[in-house]
Amino acid sequence: IILIEGEGYRLALLLILQRHRFRLPLIQRIQTIFILLREVMDQVSFRGRLENIIGLCESINFGAVRNNSMRGRFITLEGVEGSGKTTNLEYLCETLEEKNVSFIKTREPGGTELAEAIREAMLAKWQEEITGLTEVLLVFAAREQHLQNVIRPNLERGTWVVCDRFTDATFAYQGEARGVDTEIIERLEQWVQADLYP
C-alpha cells in the first residue's frame, strides 16, 4: 500500500496504521510494500525514493513474475485529491513496464462497467440525501464486481494489479468523514474481500 498524505488526512492515516498493525504477518507473507509519506513530495524526490524501494525489493524475483509462475502483486495508492497520487501511480506503472512486469492499472470505485455506473451514481446530484451507510454499501457493491471480474482473475494469472484507492479510502471517506461505524466497514471488508488485502 502506498499512502500519499495530504492536508487533513492524518486521522485517517492513524486509523489505517492501526488496522494494518494487526495484519503485519499477512503483509510480510505477501511481501507488500507499505510506504507512509509524511508530506507530499515533489516528483523528482519521490522518483528517487521509489527507485530505491524497488531496488530493495528485487527479492520479489521479477523473472518469476514475468513467467507467471507466481501470483500477481496487489498494490494500492491512497491519498486525497491533489496529493500527487496520480503522478506517483503513473511513475510506478512506468517502473513496472521497465521491469517487464505484466500489470493492469485500475481504480476504485470503478474498474468494471457496473462498478463505473455505481461510481457515477455516487457522484451524481440527487434531490434526496445520500447517507453515509448508503455510500458504504454502494462502494462495496462496486468493489465486489471489481474483485470478481478484474482484480482476482488478474492476480491468479500472475498479473500485478495497481489500483487507485481501495478499502483504506472507504475507512477514510465513509468512516472518518461521513461518520459510518468502522465495525460496519470492517464486516463488509471481511465479507467482500475475505483474505485479499493489498
N, C-alpha and C. Protein backbone atom coordinates (compact mmCIF):
# COMPACT_ATOMS: atom_id res chain seq x y z
N ILE A 1 0.86 -1.17 0.00
CA ILE A 1 0.00 0.00 0.00
C ILE A 1 0.89 1.22 0.00
N ILE A 2 0.62 2.14 -0.86
CA ILE A 2 1.37 3.39 -0.89
C ILE A 2 0.42 4.49 -0.46
N LEU A 3 0.73 5.15 0.64
CA LEU A 3 -0.12 6.21 1.15
C LEU A 3 0.53 7.56 0.87
N ILE A 4 -0.19 8.42 0.19
CA ILE A 4 0.29 9.77 -0.08
C ILE A 4 -0.51 10.70 0.83
N GLU A 5 0.15 11.30 1.80
CA GLU A 5 -0.57 12.09 2.78
C GLU A 5 -0.81 13.50 2.29
N GLY A 6 -2.01 14.00 2.48
CA GLY A 6 -2.36 15.37 2.18
C GLY A 6 -2.93 16.03 3.42
N GLU A 7 -3.19 17.31 3.35
CA GLU A 7 -3.72 18.05 4.48
C GLU A 7 -5.04 17.44 4.95
N GLY A 8 -5.21 17.29 6.27
CA GLY A 8 -6.44 16.76 6.82
C GLY A 8 -6.58 15.25 6.74
N TYR A 9 -5.51 14.58 6.36
CA TYR A 9 -5.59 13.12 6.18
C TYR A 9 -4.99 12.37 7.37
N ARG A 10 -4.47 13.08 8.37
CA ARG A 10 -3.72 12.42 9.44
C ARG A 10 -4.58 11.47 10.26
N LEU A 11 -5.81 11.86 10.59
CA LEU A 11 -6.66 10.99 11.39
C LEU A 11 -6.95 9.69 10.66
N ALA A 12 -7.22 9.82 9.37
CA ALA A 12 -7.50 8.62 8.57
C ALA A 12 -6.27 7.72 8.51
N LEU A 13 -5.08 8.33 8.38
CA LEU A 13 -3.86 7.54 8.31
C LEU A 13 -3.59 6.80 9.62
N LEU A 14 -3.89 7.45 10.74
CA LEU A 14 -3.71 6.79 12.02
C LEU A 14 -4.63 5.58 12.13
N LEU A 15 -5.85 5.73 11.62
CA LEU A 15 -6.79 4.61 11.62
C LEU A 15 -6.28 3.47 10.75
N ILE A 16 -5.76 3.82 9.57
CA ILE A 16 -5.25 2.81 8.66
C ILE A 16 -4.05 2.08 9.28
N LEU A 17 -3.14 2.83 9.90
CA LEU A 17 -1.99 2.22 10.55
C LEU A 17 -2.42 1.27 11.66
N GLN A 18 -3.43 1.67 12.42
CA GLN A 18 -3.92 0.81 13.48
C GLN A 18 -4.48 -0.48 12.93
N ARG A 19 -5.20 -0.40 11.81
CA ARG A 19 -5.78 -1.58 11.19
C ARG A 19 -4.69 -2.52 10.69
N HIS A 20 -3.70 -1.98 10.01
CA HIS A 20 -2.69 -2.82 9.38
C HIS A 20 -1.68 -3.37 10.38
N ARG A 21 -1.58 -2.75 11.54
CA ARG A 21 -0.65 -3.25 12.55
C ARG A 21 -0.99 -4.70 12.92
N PHE A 22 -2.27 -5.00 12.92
CA PHE A 22 -2.70 -6.34 13.29
C PHE A 22 -2.58 -7.32 12.13
N ARG A 23 -2.21 -6.82 10.94
CA ARG A 23 -2.09 -7.70 9.79
C ARG A 23 -0.64 -7.86 9.36
N LEU A 24 0.29 -7.45 10.17
CA LEU A 24 1.69 -7.49 9.76
C LEU A 24 2.15 -8.86 9.29
N PRO A 25 1.78 -9.95 9.95
CA PRO A 25 2.22 -11.26 9.44
C PRO A 25 1.74 -11.51 8.03
N LEU A 26 0.48 -11.15 7.73
CA LEU A 26 -0.06 -11.33 6.39
C LEU A 26 0.69 -10.45 5.40
N ILE A 27 0.91 -9.20 5.77
CA ILE A 27 1.59 -8.27 4.88
C ILE A 27 3.00 -8.77 4.56
N GLN A 28 3.69 -9.28 5.57
CA GLN A 28 5.05 -9.79 5.34
C GLN A 28 5.03 -11.00 4.43
N ARG A 29 4.04 -11.87 4.57
CA ARG A 29 3.99 -13.07 3.76
C ARG A 29 3.84 -12.74 2.28
N ILE A 30 3.02 -11.76 1.96
CA ILE A 30 2.79 -11.44 0.55
C ILE A 30 3.72 -10.34 0.05
N GLN A 31 4.71 -9.99 0.89
CA GLN A 31 5.74 -9.02 0.51
C GLN A 31 5.14 -7.69 0.06
N THR A 32 4.14 -7.22 0.79
CA THR A 32 3.52 -5.93 0.50
C THR A 32 4.47 -4.79 0.86
N ILE A 33 4.53 -3.79 0.04
CA ILE A 33 5.31 -2.59 0.33
C ILE A 33 4.38 -1.59 1.01
N PHE A 34 4.73 -1.12 2.20
CA PHE A 34 3.89 -0.15 2.90
C PHE A 34 4.71 1.12 3.08
N ILE A 35 4.34 2.17 2.42
CA ILE A 35 5.09 3.41 2.44
C ILE A 35 4.20 4.51 3.01
N LEU A 36 4.63 5.18 4.04
CA LEU A 36 3.90 6.32 4.58
C LEU A 36 4.72 7.58 4.35
N LEU A 37 4.21 8.44 3.50
CA LEU A 37 4.91 9.69 3.21
C LEU A 37 4.30 10.77 4.12
N ARG A 38 5.11 11.34 5.00
CA ARG A 38 4.58 12.32 5.95
C ARG A 38 4.24 13.63 5.28
N GLU A 39 4.81 13.90 4.13
CA GLU A 39 4.46 15.10 3.39
C GLU A 39 4.38 14.74 1.92
N VAL A 40 3.63 15.53 1.17
CA VAL A 40 3.60 15.34 -0.27
C VAL A 40 4.96 15.74 -0.82
N MET A 41 5.58 14.83 -1.58
CA MET A 41 6.94 15.06 -2.08
C MET A 41 6.88 15.44 -3.55
N ASP A 42 7.85 16.23 -4.01
CA ASP A 42 7.83 16.58 -5.42
C ASP A 42 8.20 15.35 -6.25
N GLN A 43 7.92 15.42 -7.54
CA GLN A 43 8.05 14.24 -8.40
C GLN A 43 9.48 13.70 -8.43
N VAL A 44 10.46 14.58 -8.50
CA VAL A 44 11.84 14.13 -8.58
C VAL A 44 12.24 13.41 -7.31
N SER A 45 11.89 14.00 -6.17
CA SER A 45 12.23 13.40 -4.90
C SER A 45 11.56 12.05 -4.73
N PHE A 46 10.30 11.98 -5.11
CA PHE A 46 9.57 10.72 -4.96
C PHE A 46 10.14 9.66 -5.88
N ARG A 47 10.49 10.06 -7.11
CA ARG A 47 11.05 9.08 -8.04
C ARG A 47 12.32 8.46 -7.48
N GLY A 48 13.16 9.29 -6.89
CA GLY A 48 14.40 8.77 -6.32
C GLY A 48 14.12 7.78 -5.22
N ARG A 49 13.17 8.10 -4.36
CA ARG A 49 12.87 7.19 -3.26
C ARG A 49 12.20 5.92 -3.76
N LEU A 50 11.30 6.05 -4.73
CA LEU A 50 10.62 4.87 -5.24
C LEU A 50 11.61 3.93 -5.92
N GLU A 51 12.58 4.51 -6.66
CA GLU A 51 13.59 3.67 -7.29
C GLU A 51 14.37 2.88 -6.24
N ASN A 52 14.70 3.54 -5.13
CA ASN A 52 15.42 2.86 -4.06
C ASN A 52 14.59 1.73 -3.47
N ILE A 53 13.30 2.00 -3.28
CA ILE A 53 12.42 0.98 -2.70
C ILE A 53 12.32 -0.22 -3.62
N ILE A 54 12.12 0.04 -4.91
CA ILE A 54 12.01 -1.07 -5.85
C ILE A 54 13.33 -1.82 -5.94
N GLY A 55 14.46 -1.10 -5.84
CA GLY A 55 15.75 -1.76 -5.84
C GLY A 55 15.90 -2.71 -4.67
N LEU A 56 15.34 -2.34 -3.52
CA LEU A 56 15.42 -3.19 -2.34
C LEU A 56 14.50 -4.40 -2.43
N CYS A 57 13.57 -4.35 -3.39
CA CYS A 57 12.57 -5.42 -3.49
C CYS A 57 12.88 -6.40 -4.61
N GLU A 58 14.13 -6.45 -5.06
CA GLU A 58 14.49 -7.39 -6.12
C GLU A 58 14.27 -8.84 -5.69
N SER A 59 14.18 -9.06 -4.38
CA SER A 59 13.94 -10.42 -3.88
C SER A 59 12.58 -10.94 -4.30
N ILE A 60 11.71 -10.04 -4.77
CA ILE A 60 10.41 -10.48 -5.26
C ILE A 60 10.59 -11.36 -6.48
N ASN A 61 11.70 -11.22 -7.18
CA ASN A 61 12.03 -12.05 -8.35
C ASN A 61 11.15 -11.69 -9.54
N PHE A 62 11.51 -10.62 -10.22
CA PHE A 62 10.73 -10.16 -11.36
C PHE A 62 10.70 -11.19 -12.48
N GLY A 63 11.76 -11.98 -12.61
CA GLY A 63 11.79 -13.01 -13.65
C GLY A 63 10.67 -14.00 -13.47
N ALA A 64 10.44 -14.43 -12.23
CA ALA A 64 9.36 -15.37 -11.97
C ALA A 64 8.02 -14.74 -12.26
N VAL A 65 7.89 -13.45 -11.95
CA VAL A 65 6.63 -12.76 -12.23
C VAL A 65 6.37 -12.71 -13.72
N ARG A 66 7.42 -12.42 -14.50
CA ARG A 66 7.24 -12.35 -15.95
C ARG A 66 6.81 -13.69 -16.53
N ASN A 67 7.25 -14.78 -15.90
CA ASN A 67 6.89 -16.10 -16.39
C ASN A 67 5.56 -16.60 -15.84
N ASN A 68 4.87 -15.71 -15.06
CA ASN A 68 3.58 -16.05 -14.47
C ASN A 68 3.66 -17.30 -13.60
N SER A 69 4.81 -17.58 -13.01
CA SER A 69 4.95 -18.75 -12.17
C SER A 69 4.63 -18.44 -10.72
N MET A 70 4.21 -17.21 -10.44
CA MET A 70 3.80 -16.86 -9.09
C MET A 70 2.61 -15.92 -9.17
N ARG A 71 1.89 -15.82 -8.08
CA ARG A 71 0.70 -14.98 -8.03
C ARG A 71 1.08 -13.51 -8.17
N GLY A 72 0.22 -12.73 -8.84
CA GLY A 72 0.49 -11.32 -9.01
C GLY A 72 0.44 -10.56 -7.70
N ARG A 73 1.02 -9.37 -7.69
CA ARG A 73 1.01 -8.49 -6.51
C ARG A 73 -0.12 -7.47 -6.65
N PHE A 74 -0.68 -7.10 -5.51
CA PHE A 74 -1.77 -6.14 -5.47
C PHE A 74 -1.28 -4.90 -4.75
N ILE A 75 -1.13 -3.80 -5.50
CA ILE A 75 -0.60 -2.55 -4.97
C ILE A 75 -1.67 -1.47 -5.06
N THR A 76 -1.91 -0.79 -3.95
CA THR A 76 -2.89 0.30 -3.96
C THR A 76 -2.22 1.60 -3.55
N LEU A 77 -2.71 2.70 -4.07
CA LEU A 77 -2.24 4.02 -3.69
C LEU A 77 -3.40 4.79 -3.08
N GLU A 78 -3.15 5.38 -1.92
CA GLU A 78 -4.19 6.11 -1.20
C GLU A 78 -3.75 7.55 -0.99
N GLY A 79 -4.69 8.47 -1.05
CA GLY A 79 -4.38 9.88 -0.81
C GLY A 79 -5.52 10.76 -1.24
N VAL A 80 -5.59 11.95 -0.66
CA VAL A 80 -6.65 12.89 -1.01
C VAL A 80 -6.37 13.51 -2.38
N GLU A 81 -7.38 14.16 -2.93
CA GLU A 81 -7.22 14.83 -4.22
C GLU A 81 -6.13 15.88 -4.13
N GLY A 82 -5.25 15.91 -5.14
CA GLY A 82 -4.19 16.91 -5.19
C GLY A 82 -2.95 16.55 -4.39
N SER A 83 -2.89 15.33 -3.86
CA SER A 83 -1.74 14.94 -3.04
C SER A 83 -0.59 14.39 -3.87
N GLY A 84 -0.79 14.22 -5.19
CA GLY A 84 0.25 13.67 -6.04
C GLY A 84 0.10 12.19 -6.31
N LYS A 85 -1.04 11.64 -5.93
CA LYS A 85 -1.28 10.20 -6.07
C LYS A 85 -1.23 9.76 -7.53
N THR A 86 -1.86 10.50 -8.41
CA THR A 86 -1.90 10.13 -9.83
C THR A 86 -0.50 10.15 -10.44
N THR A 87 0.29 11.18 -10.11
CA THR A 87 1.67 11.26 -10.60
C THR A 87 2.49 10.07 -10.14
N ASN A 88 2.34 9.72 -8.88
CA ASN A 88 3.10 8.59 -8.34
C ASN A 88 2.63 7.26 -8.92
N LEU A 89 1.33 7.16 -9.17
CA LEU A 89 0.80 5.95 -9.79
C LEU A 89 1.38 5.77 -11.19
N GLU A 90 1.44 6.86 -11.95
CA GLU A 90 1.98 6.79 -13.31
C GLU A 90 3.45 6.37 -13.28
N TYR A 91 4.21 6.90 -12.32
CA TYR A 91 5.62 6.53 -12.27
C TYR A 91 5.79 5.07 -11.86
N LEU A 92 4.97 4.61 -10.94
CA LEU A 92 5.04 3.21 -10.53
C LEU A 92 4.78 2.30 -11.73
N CYS A 93 3.78 2.66 -12.55
CA CYS A 93 3.48 1.87 -13.74
C CYS A 93 4.63 1.90 -14.74
N GLU A 94 5.26 3.06 -14.87
CA GLU A 94 6.43 3.16 -15.76
C GLU A 94 7.54 2.22 -15.29
N THR A 95 7.74 2.15 -13.99
CA THR A 95 8.78 1.30 -13.43
C THR A 95 8.47 -0.17 -13.70
N LEU A 96 7.22 -0.57 -13.53
CA LEU A 96 6.84 -1.96 -13.80
C LEU A 96 7.03 -2.30 -15.27
N GLU A 97 6.73 -1.35 -16.15
CA GLU A 97 6.94 -1.56 -17.59
C GLU A 97 8.43 -1.77 -17.87
N GLU A 98 9.28 -0.95 -17.26
CA GLU A 98 10.72 -1.08 -17.46
C GLU A 98 11.23 -2.44 -16.98
N LYS A 99 10.58 -2.98 -15.95
CA LYS A 99 10.97 -4.29 -15.41
C LYS A 99 10.31 -5.43 -16.18
N ASN A 100 9.53 -5.08 -17.20
CA ASN A 100 8.80 -6.09 -17.98
C ASN A 100 7.86 -6.92 -17.12
N VAL A 101 7.24 -6.28 -16.14
CA VAL A 101 6.27 -6.95 -15.28
C VAL A 101 4.88 -6.75 -15.86
N SER A 102 4.15 -7.83 -16.01
CA SER A 102 2.78 -7.76 -16.51
C SER A 102 1.88 -7.16 -15.43
N PHE A 103 1.16 -6.09 -15.77
CA PHE A 103 0.30 -5.44 -14.77
C PHE A 103 -0.88 -4.77 -15.46
N ILE A 104 -1.90 -4.45 -14.65
CA ILE A 104 -3.01 -3.62 -15.11
C ILE A 104 -3.15 -2.46 -14.13
N LYS A 105 -3.69 -1.36 -14.62
CA LYS A 105 -3.97 -0.20 -13.78
C LYS A 105 -5.48 -0.04 -13.70
N THR A 106 -6.00 0.15 -12.50
CA THR A 106 -7.44 0.27 -12.33
C THR A 106 -7.74 1.27 -11.22
N ARG A 107 -9.01 1.44 -10.88
CA ARG A 107 -9.36 2.43 -9.86
C ARG A 107 -10.60 1.99 -9.09
N GLU A 108 -10.80 2.65 -7.94
CA GLU A 108 -11.99 2.42 -7.13
C GLU A 108 -12.57 3.76 -6.68
N PRO A 109 -13.90 3.85 -6.56
CA PRO A 109 -14.85 2.87 -7.10
C PRO A 109 -14.75 2.83 -8.62
N GLY A 110 -14.97 1.69 -9.19
CA GLY A 110 -14.91 1.55 -10.64
C GLY A 110 -14.16 0.30 -11.05
N GLY A 111 -13.67 0.30 -12.29
CA GLY A 111 -12.87 -0.81 -12.77
C GLY A 111 -13.62 -1.80 -13.64
N THR A 112 -14.96 -1.80 -13.56
CA THR A 112 -15.78 -2.61 -14.45
C THR A 112 -16.95 -1.74 -14.91
N GLU A 113 -17.70 -2.22 -15.90
CA GLU A 113 -18.82 -1.43 -16.43
C GLU A 113 -19.83 -1.11 -15.33
N LEU A 114 -20.21 -2.13 -14.56
CA LEU A 114 -21.20 -1.91 -13.50
C LEU A 114 -20.63 -1.07 -12.37
N ALA A 115 -19.38 -1.35 -11.99
CA ALA A 115 -18.75 -0.58 -10.91
C ALA A 115 -18.60 0.89 -11.29
N GLU A 116 -18.31 1.16 -12.56
CA GLU A 116 -18.21 2.55 -13.02
C GLU A 116 -19.59 3.23 -12.98
N ALA A 117 -20.65 2.47 -13.29
CA ALA A 117 -22.00 3.01 -13.22
C ALA A 117 -22.37 3.37 -11.78
N ILE A 118 -21.94 2.52 -10.84
CA ILE A 118 -22.17 2.81 -9.42
C ILE A 118 -21.41 4.06 -9.01
N ARG A 119 -20.19 4.20 -9.52
CA ARG A 119 -19.39 5.40 -9.23
C ARG A 119 -20.12 6.65 -9.71
N GLU A 120 -20.63 6.60 -10.94
CA GLU A 120 -21.34 7.75 -11.49
C GLU A 120 -22.58 8.07 -10.66
N ALA A 121 -23.29 7.04 -10.18
CA ALA A 121 -24.47 7.26 -9.35
C ALA A 121 -24.09 7.93 -8.04
N MET A 122 -22.95 7.55 -7.48
CA MET A 122 -22.49 8.14 -6.23
C MET A 122 -22.12 9.61 -6.40
N LEU A 123 -21.58 9.96 -7.56
CA LEU A 123 -21.14 11.33 -7.81
C LEU A 123 -22.24 12.24 -8.35
N ALA A 124 -23.37 11.65 -8.74
CA ALA A 124 -24.47 12.43 -9.30
C ALA A 124 -25.14 13.28 -8.22
N LYS A 125 -25.81 14.34 -8.66
CA LYS A 125 -26.55 15.21 -7.75
C LYS A 125 -27.98 14.68 -7.63
N TRP A 126 -28.37 14.35 -6.41
CA TRP A 126 -29.70 13.82 -6.16
C TRP A 126 -30.48 14.77 -5.27
N GLN A 127 -31.78 14.82 -5.45
CA GLN A 127 -32.62 15.67 -4.60
C GLN A 127 -32.70 15.11 -3.19
N GLU A 128 -32.65 13.80 -3.07
CA GLU A 128 -32.69 13.18 -1.75
C GLU A 128 -31.28 13.07 -1.18
N GLU A 129 -31.21 12.99 0.14
CA GLU A 129 -29.91 12.87 0.81
C GLU A 129 -29.37 11.44 0.67
N ILE A 130 -28.10 11.34 0.36
CA ILE A 130 -27.43 10.05 0.31
C ILE A 130 -26.70 9.87 1.63
N THR A 131 -27.10 8.89 2.41
CA THR A 131 -26.49 8.70 3.72
C THR A 131 -25.11 8.05 3.60
N GLY A 132 -24.35 8.16 4.68
CA GLY A 132 -23.03 7.54 4.70
C GLY A 132 -23.11 6.03 4.54
N LEU A 133 -24.12 5.41 5.16
CA LEU A 133 -24.28 3.97 5.05
C LEU A 133 -24.61 3.57 3.61
N THR A 134 -25.44 4.37 2.95
CA THR A 134 -25.74 4.10 1.54
C THR A 134 -24.47 4.14 0.71
N GLU A 135 -23.62 5.13 0.97
CA GLU A 135 -22.36 5.24 0.24
C GLU A 135 -21.49 4.00 0.45
N VAL A 136 -21.40 3.55 1.69
CA VAL A 136 -20.58 2.37 2.01
C VAL A 136 -21.09 1.14 1.26
N LEU A 137 -22.39 0.94 1.27
CA LEU A 137 -22.97 -0.22 0.59
C LEU A 137 -22.73 -0.15 -0.92
N LEU A 138 -22.83 1.04 -1.49
CA LEU A 138 -22.56 1.20 -2.92
C LEU A 138 -21.09 0.93 -3.23
N VAL A 139 -20.21 1.45 -2.38
CA VAL A 139 -18.77 1.23 -2.59
C VAL A 139 -18.44 -0.25 -2.58
N PHE A 140 -18.98 -0.98 -1.62
CA PHE A 140 -18.66 -2.40 -1.53
C PHE A 140 -19.37 -3.22 -2.62
N ALA A 141 -20.50 -2.75 -3.11
CA ALA A 141 -21.13 -3.41 -4.25
C ALA A 141 -20.23 -3.28 -5.47
N ALA A 142 -19.70 -2.08 -5.68
CA ALA A 142 -18.77 -1.86 -6.79
C ALA A 142 -17.49 -2.66 -6.59
N ARG A 143 -17.02 -2.73 -5.34
CA ARG A 143 -15.79 -3.47 -5.04
C ARG A 143 -15.94 -4.96 -5.32
N GLU A 144 -17.09 -5.51 -4.99
CA GLU A 144 -17.33 -6.93 -5.25
C GLU A 144 -17.24 -7.22 -6.74
N GLN A 145 -17.86 -6.37 -7.57
CA GLN A 145 -17.77 -6.55 -9.02
C GLN A 145 -16.33 -6.45 -9.50
N HIS A 146 -15.63 -5.47 -8.96
CA HIS A 146 -14.24 -5.22 -9.34
C HIS A 146 -13.35 -6.41 -8.97
N LEU A 147 -13.52 -6.91 -7.76
CA LEU A 147 -12.71 -8.03 -7.29
C LEU A 147 -12.94 -9.29 -8.12
N GLN A 148 -14.21 -9.60 -8.36
CA GLN A 148 -14.55 -10.86 -9.03
C GLN A 148 -14.24 -10.84 -10.53
N ASN A 149 -14.34 -9.66 -11.14
CA ASN A 149 -14.19 -9.59 -12.60
C ASN A 149 -12.84 -9.07 -13.07
N VAL A 150 -12.10 -8.39 -12.21
CA VAL A 150 -10.84 -7.80 -12.64
C VAL A 150 -9.67 -8.18 -11.71
N ILE A 151 -9.77 -7.84 -10.44
CA ILE A 151 -8.63 -7.97 -9.55
C ILE A 151 -8.22 -9.41 -9.31
N ARG A 152 -9.12 -10.24 -8.82
CA ARG A 152 -8.77 -11.63 -8.51
C ARG A 152 -8.32 -12.41 -9.75
N PRO A 153 -9.03 -12.33 -10.87
CA PRO A 153 -8.59 -13.09 -12.05
C PRO A 153 -7.18 -12.71 -12.50
N ASN A 154 -6.86 -11.41 -12.47
CA ASN A 154 -5.53 -10.98 -12.89
C ASN A 154 -4.45 -11.45 -11.92
N LEU A 155 -4.72 -11.36 -10.63
CA LEU A 155 -3.75 -11.83 -9.64
C LEU A 155 -3.48 -13.32 -9.80
N GLU A 156 -4.53 -14.09 -10.05
CA GLU A 156 -4.37 -15.53 -10.22
C GLU A 156 -3.56 -15.87 -11.47
N ARG A 157 -3.64 -15.02 -12.49
CA ARG A 157 -2.85 -15.23 -13.71
C ARG A 157 -1.41 -14.79 -13.55
N GLY A 158 -1.08 -14.18 -12.42
CA GLY A 158 0.28 -13.69 -12.21
C GLY A 158 0.46 -12.25 -12.61
N THR A 159 -0.62 -11.57 -12.96
CA THR A 159 -0.57 -10.16 -13.35
C THR A 159 -0.67 -9.27 -12.12
N TRP A 160 0.21 -8.29 -12.04
CA TRP A 160 0.15 -7.33 -10.94
C TRP A 160 -1.04 -6.39 -11.15
N VAL A 161 -1.65 -5.96 -10.06
CA VAL A 161 -2.77 -5.02 -10.12
C VAL A 161 -2.38 -3.76 -9.36
N VAL A 162 -2.38 -2.62 -10.06
CA VAL A 162 -2.08 -1.33 -9.45
C VAL A 162 -3.40 -0.57 -9.40
N CYS A 163 -3.86 -0.27 -8.21
CA CYS A 163 -5.20 0.29 -8.04
C CYS A 163 -5.16 1.67 -7.37
N ASP A 164 -5.85 2.62 -7.98
CA ASP A 164 -6.02 3.96 -7.43
C ASP A 164 -7.13 3.89 -6.38
N ARG A 165 -6.73 3.80 -5.11
CA ARG A 165 -7.61 3.67 -3.94
C ARG A 165 -8.19 2.26 -3.80
N PHE A 166 -8.47 1.92 -2.54
CA PHE A 166 -9.14 0.66 -2.22
C PHE A 166 -9.82 0.84 -0.87
N THR A 167 -9.88 -0.18 -0.04
CA THR A 167 -10.69 -0.12 1.18
C THR A 167 -10.21 0.91 2.19
N ASP A 168 -8.91 1.21 2.22
CA ASP A 168 -8.44 2.24 3.15
C ASP A 168 -9.12 3.57 2.87
N ALA A 169 -9.42 3.84 1.61
CA ALA A 169 -10.13 5.07 1.28
C ALA A 169 -11.55 5.04 1.84
N THR A 170 -12.16 3.86 1.90
CA THR A 170 -13.50 3.75 2.46
C THR A 170 -13.49 4.08 3.95
N PHE A 171 -12.47 3.60 4.67
CA PHE A 171 -12.34 3.94 6.08
C PHE A 171 -12.13 5.45 6.26
N ALA A 172 -11.39 6.06 5.34
CA ALA A 172 -11.12 7.49 5.45
C ALA A 172 -12.34 8.34 5.09
N TYR A 173 -12.93 8.07 3.92
CA TYR A 173 -14.00 8.93 3.43
C TYR A 173 -15.37 8.61 4.04
N GLN A 174 -15.75 7.34 4.03
CA GLN A 174 -17.06 6.99 4.59
C GLN A 174 -16.99 6.79 6.10
N GLY A 175 -15.85 6.31 6.60
CA GLY A 175 -15.70 6.11 8.03
C GLY A 175 -15.44 7.41 8.77
N GLU A 176 -14.27 8.00 8.55
CA GLU A 176 -13.90 9.22 9.25
C GLU A 176 -14.72 10.44 8.82
N ALA A 177 -14.85 10.63 7.50
CA ALA A 177 -15.51 11.84 7.01
C ALA A 177 -17.03 11.78 7.14
N ARG A 178 -17.63 10.61 6.87
CA ARG A 178 -19.09 10.50 6.87
C ARG A 178 -19.64 9.90 8.15
N GLY A 179 -18.76 9.45 9.03
CA GLY A 179 -19.20 9.00 10.33
C GLY A 179 -19.79 7.61 10.40
N VAL A 180 -19.53 6.78 9.40
CA VAL A 180 -20.02 5.41 9.42
C VAL A 180 -19.17 4.59 10.41
N ASP A 181 -19.83 3.80 11.24
CA ASP A 181 -19.14 2.98 12.23
C ASP A 181 -18.11 2.08 11.54
N THR A 182 -16.87 2.13 12.03
CA THR A 182 -15.81 1.34 11.39
C THR A 182 -16.08 -0.16 11.49
N GLU A 183 -16.83 -0.59 12.49
CA GLU A 183 -17.15 -2.02 12.61
C GLU A 183 -18.00 -2.49 11.43
N ILE A 184 -18.88 -1.61 10.94
CA ILE A 184 -19.68 -1.95 9.76
C ILE A 184 -18.78 -2.12 8.54
N ILE A 185 -17.84 -1.18 8.38
CA ILE A 185 -16.92 -1.26 7.24
C ILE A 185 -16.05 -2.50 7.34
N GLU A 186 -15.58 -2.81 8.54
CA GLU A 186 -14.75 -4.00 8.73
C GLU A 186 -15.50 -5.28 8.39
N ARG A 187 -16.78 -5.35 8.76
CA ARG A 187 -17.58 -6.55 8.45
C ARG A 187 -17.77 -6.69 6.95
N LEU A 188 -18.06 -5.58 6.28
CA LEU A 188 -18.20 -5.62 4.82
C LEU A 188 -16.88 -5.99 4.16
N GLU A 189 -15.80 -5.46 4.69
CA GLU A 189 -14.46 -5.76 4.17
C GLU A 189 -14.19 -7.25 4.24
N GLN A 190 -14.48 -7.86 5.39
CA GLN A 190 -14.25 -9.30 5.56
C GLN A 190 -15.16 -10.11 4.65
N TRP A 191 -16.39 -9.67 4.51
CA TRP A 191 -17.37 -10.40 3.70
C TRP A 191 -17.00 -10.35 2.22
N VAL A 192 -16.65 -9.16 1.73
CA VAL A 192 -16.38 -8.98 0.30
C VAL A 192 -14.96 -9.39 -0.08
N GLN A 193 -13.98 -9.03 0.71
CA GLN A 193 -12.58 -9.27 0.36
C GLN A 193 -12.05 -10.62 0.85
N ALA A 194 -12.65 -11.15 1.90
CA ALA A 194 -12.16 -12.39 2.51
C ALA A 194 -10.69 -12.19 2.93
N ASP A 195 -9.76 -12.96 2.34
CA ASP A 195 -8.36 -12.87 2.74
C ASP A 195 -7.52 -12.00 1.80
N LEU A 196 -8.16 -11.23 0.94
CA LEU A 196 -7.41 -10.42 -0.02
C LEU A 196 -7.19 -9.01 0.51
N TYR A 197 -5.91 -8.66 0.68
CA TYR A 197 -5.52 -7.31 1.10
C TYR A 197 -4.34 -6.87 0.24
N PRO A 198 -4.22 -5.57 0.01
CA PRO A 198 -3.08 -5.08 -0.79
C PRO A 198 -1.76 -5.41 -0.12
